[in-house]
Amino acid sequence: MPIQNIDFIKTIFHTRLTTLDHLLKSAQTHFKESESFLQERITTDMFPFGTQVAFTCNQPRNFALWCDSKPMDNLDPKVLSLAQAHEHIANTKELLSAIKTKDEKLNEITRIDLGEDLYIEMTGNAYVNDFLMPNFYFHLVTAYDILRIAGVPIGKRDYMMHLVPFLKNR
């Protein structure tokens, strides 16, 4: 079922950005403050961890800009420091918190420029469900996978942090 509520979309992005920040802090601890892990990648033809942070942030960032009827504005993909990575996450969360758009925005037609004179037009609902969310999770999972491959001691609990409020004891 498609997500059709602005506040719910904001919550999904915000909680998963908290997960991304947690993963980043776990890597910092594991690598003892070395920033070299920002250049780790799964394979040579994929972007490094630092770029995955920027690309993960771009989805909620562009959602917030779209909600405010502003053009897409992707972050610099060259994330070369921990401070820059944390700043991207914090700034993206601030943009999300500032969204004041009504749910009707999701019914509007939007145009997404893909470069090389290519674009797609779709409703806001399709933009969120078929473009933003798949890209968001792809880059979040890729960031997680890079850290796992690099030896950071994280697991599913670290990735699924958004479920912590629902945990119960028997």
Protein backbone atom coordinates (compact mmCIF):
# COMPACT_ATOMS: atom_id res chain seq x y z
CA MET A 1 0.00 0.00 0.00
CA PRO A 2 1.47 3.38 -0.99
CA ILE A 3 2.43 5.92 1.63
CA GLN A 4 -0.08 8.75 1.37
CA ASN A 5 0.61 10.95 4.37
CA ILE A 6 3.25 13.69 4.58
CA ASP A 7 3.84 13.28 8.32
CA PHE A 8 4.32 9.52 7.95
CA ILE A 9 6.81 10.07 5.13
CA LYS A 10 8.69 12.57 7.28
CA THR A 11 8.78 10.04 10.14
CA ILE A 12 10.15 7.28 7.92
CA PHE A 13 12.90 9.49 6.58
CA HIS A 14 13.73 10.96 9.98
CA THR A 15 13.96 7.62 11.80
CA ARG A 16 16.06 6.02 9.08
CA LEU A 17 18.39 9.04 9.04
CA THR A 18 18.81 8.42 12.78
CA THR A 19 19.81 4.87 11.82
CA LEU A 20 22.31 6.21 9.29
CA ASP A 21 23.80 8.47 11.96
CA HIS A 22 24.03 5.48 14.33
CA LEU A 23 25.82 3.44 11.67
CA LEU A 24 28.23 6.32 11.11
CA LYS A 25 28.97 6.55 14.84
CA SER A 26 29.47 2.77 15.02
CA ALA A 27 32.02 3.04 12.22
CA GLN A 28 33.75 5.94 13.99
CA THR A 29 34.09 3.83 17.12
CA HIS A 30 35.28 0.78 15.19
CA PHE A 31 37.86 2.71 13.19
CA LYS A 32 38.92 4.78 16.22
CA GLU A 33 38.09 8.14 14.67
CA SER A 34 39.93 7.37 11.39
CA GLU A 35 38.04 8.75 8.43
CA SER A 36 39.43 6.23 5.94
CA PHE A 37 36.24 4.15 6.02
CA LEU A 38 34.47 6.96 4.18
CA GLN A 39 36.28 5.72 1.05
CA GLU A 40 35.33 2.04 1.52
CA ARG A 41 33.12 0.55 -1.17
CA ILE A 42 31.53 -2.78 -2.06
CA THR A 43 33.18 -2.98 -5.46
CA THR A 44 35.23 -0.66 -7.65
CA ASP A 45 32.31 0.42 -9.82
CA MET A 46 30.15 1.48 -6.86
CA PHE A 47 30.35 4.71 -4.88
CA PRO A 48 32.15 4.79 -1.51
CA PHE A 49 30.50 4.98 1.90
CA GLY A 50 30.76 8.78 2.13
CA THR A 51 28.93 9.19 -1.16
CA GLN A 52 26.27 6.71 0.01
CA VAL A 53 25.66 9.01 2.99
CA ALA A 54 25.10 11.98 0.65
CA PHE A 55 22.90 9.95 -1.70
CA THR A 56 20.83 8.62 1.23
CA CYS A 57 20.31 12.19 2.44
CA ASN A 58 19.40 13.43 -1.05
CA GLN A 59 16.09 11.58 -1.07
CA PRO A 60 14.52 13.17 2.06
CA ARG A 61 16.30 16.44 1.23
CA ASN A 62 14.68 16.60 -2.20
CA PHE A 63 11.35 15.52 -0.71
CA ALA A 64 11.50 18.49 1.69
CA LEU A 65 12.45 20.85 -1.15
CA TRP A 66 9.65 19.45 -3.31
CA CYS A 67 7.17 19.96 -0.47
CA ASP A 68 8.25 23.60 -0.40
CA SER A 69 7.93 23.84 -4.23
CA LYS A 70 11.68 24.30 -4.61
CA PRO A 71 13.85 22.54 -7.22
CA MET A 72 15.89 19.46 -6.43
CA ASP A 73 19.31 20.24 -5.00
CA ASN A 74 21.55 17.25 -4.42
CA LEU A 75 24.39 17.33 -1.91
CA ASP A 76 28.03 17.21 -2.95
CA PRO A 77 28.71 13.47 -3.31
CA LYS A 78 32.33 13.85 -2.17
CA VAL A 79 31.95 13.33 1.57
CA LEU A 80 35.52 13.39 2.82
CA SER A 81 35.10 13.96 6.55
CA LEU A 82 33.05 12.69 9.46
CA ALA A 83 31.98 16.23 10.23
CA GLN A 84 30.61 16.63 6.70
CA ALA A 85 28.73 13.30 6.90
CA HIS A 86 27.15 14.20 10.26
CA GLU A 87 26.31 17.67 8.94
CA HIS A 88 24.51 16.22 5.90
CA ILE A 89 22.36 14.05 8.17
CA ALA A 90 21.60 16.84 10.66
CA ASN A 91 20.77 19.38 7.93
CA THR A 92 18.51 16.89 6.17
CA LYS A 93 16.63 16.23 9.41
CA GLU A 94 16.19 19.98 9.88
CA LEU A 95 14.74 20.30 6.37
CA LEU A 96 12.30 17.48 7.13
CA SER A 97 11.23 19.09 10.40
CA ALA A 98 10.43 22.33 8.59
CA ILE A 99 7.92 20.73 6.18
CA LYS A 100 4.48 22.30 6.55
CA THR A 101 2.85 20.92 3.38
CA LYS A 102 -0.61 19.37 3.39
CA ASP A 103 -1.22 15.80 2.21
CA GLU A 104 -2.89 17.12 -0.96
CA LYS A 105 0.61 17.87 -2.27
CA LEU A 106 0.94 14.13 -2.91
CA ASN A 107 -1.75 14.39 -5.62
CA GLU A 108 0.14 17.01 -7.63
CA ILE A 109 2.01 16.06 -10.79
CA THR A 110 5.76 16.53 -10.49
CA ARG A 111 8.53 16.44 -13.05
CA ILE A 112 11.85 14.79 -12.32
CA ASP A 113 14.72 15.71 -14.60
CA LEU A 114 17.05 12.77 -15.15
CA GLY A 115 19.67 14.54 -17.25
CA GLU A 116 20.47 14.08 -20.93
CA ASP A 117 17.12 15.68 -21.84
CA LEU A 118 15.24 12.89 -20.05
CA TYR A 119 12.54 13.40 -17.45
CA ILE A 120 9.58 11.66 -15.92
CA GLU A 121 6.28 13.07 -14.73
CA MET A 122 4.32 11.45 -11.95
CA THR A 123 2.07 12.22 -9.02
CA GLY A 124 3.61 13.13 -5.70
CA ASN A 125 2.54 9.73 -4.40
CA ALA A 126 4.41 7.98 -7.19
CA TYR A 127 7.38 10.29 -6.65
CA VAL A 128 7.59 9.20 -3.00
CA ASN A 129 6.73 5.52 -3.44
CA ASP A 130 8.38 4.71 -6.76
CA PHE A 131 11.34 7.09 -6.84
CA LEU A 132 12.38 8.49 -3.47
CA MET A 133 11.81 5.50 -1.16
CA PRO A 134 13.49 2.88 -3.39
CA ASN A 135 16.50 5.17 -3.88
CA PHE A 136 16.60 6.02 -0.18
CA TYR A 137 16.64 2.40 0.95
CA PHE A 138 19.08 1.36 -1.77
CA HIS A 139 21.69 3.85 -0.55
CA LEU A 140 20.98 3.21 3.14
CA VAL A 141 21.40 -0.55 2.67
CA THR A 142 24.51 -0.02 0.56
CA ALA A 143 26.02 2.14 3.32
CA TYR A 144 25.17 -0.58 5.85
CA ASP A 145 26.67 -3.28 3.63
CA ILE A 146 29.89 -1.34 3.12
CA LEU A 147 30.36 -1.06 6.88
CA ARG A 148 29.63 -4.77 7.38
CA ILE A 149 32.17 -5.71 4.72
CA ALA A 150 34.69 -3.36 6.36
CA GLY A 151 34.28 -5.25 9.64
CA VAL A 152 32.15 -2.84 11.65
CA PRO A 153 30.31 -4.95 14.28
CA ILE A 154 26.75 -4.04 13.31
CA GLY A 155 23.77 -6.25 12.66
CA LYS A 156 20.09 -6.20 11.86
CA ARG A 157 19.27 -4.57 15.21
CA ASP A 158 21.44 -1.61 14.21
CA TYR A 159 19.67 -1.35 10.86
CA MET A 160 16.17 -1.75 12.31
CA MET A 161 16.54 0.81 15.12
CA HIS A 162 13.20 2.38 14.23
CA LEU A 163 11.50 -0.66 15.79
CA VAL A 164 13.00 -0.12 19.26
CA PRO A 165 9.95 1.80 20.55
CA PHE A 166 7.81 -1.26 19.77
CA LEU A 167 9.98 -3.81 21.63
CA LYS A 168 8.28 -5.71 24.45
CA ASN A 169 9.36 -8.31 26.98
CA ARG A 170 7.39 -11.52 27.49
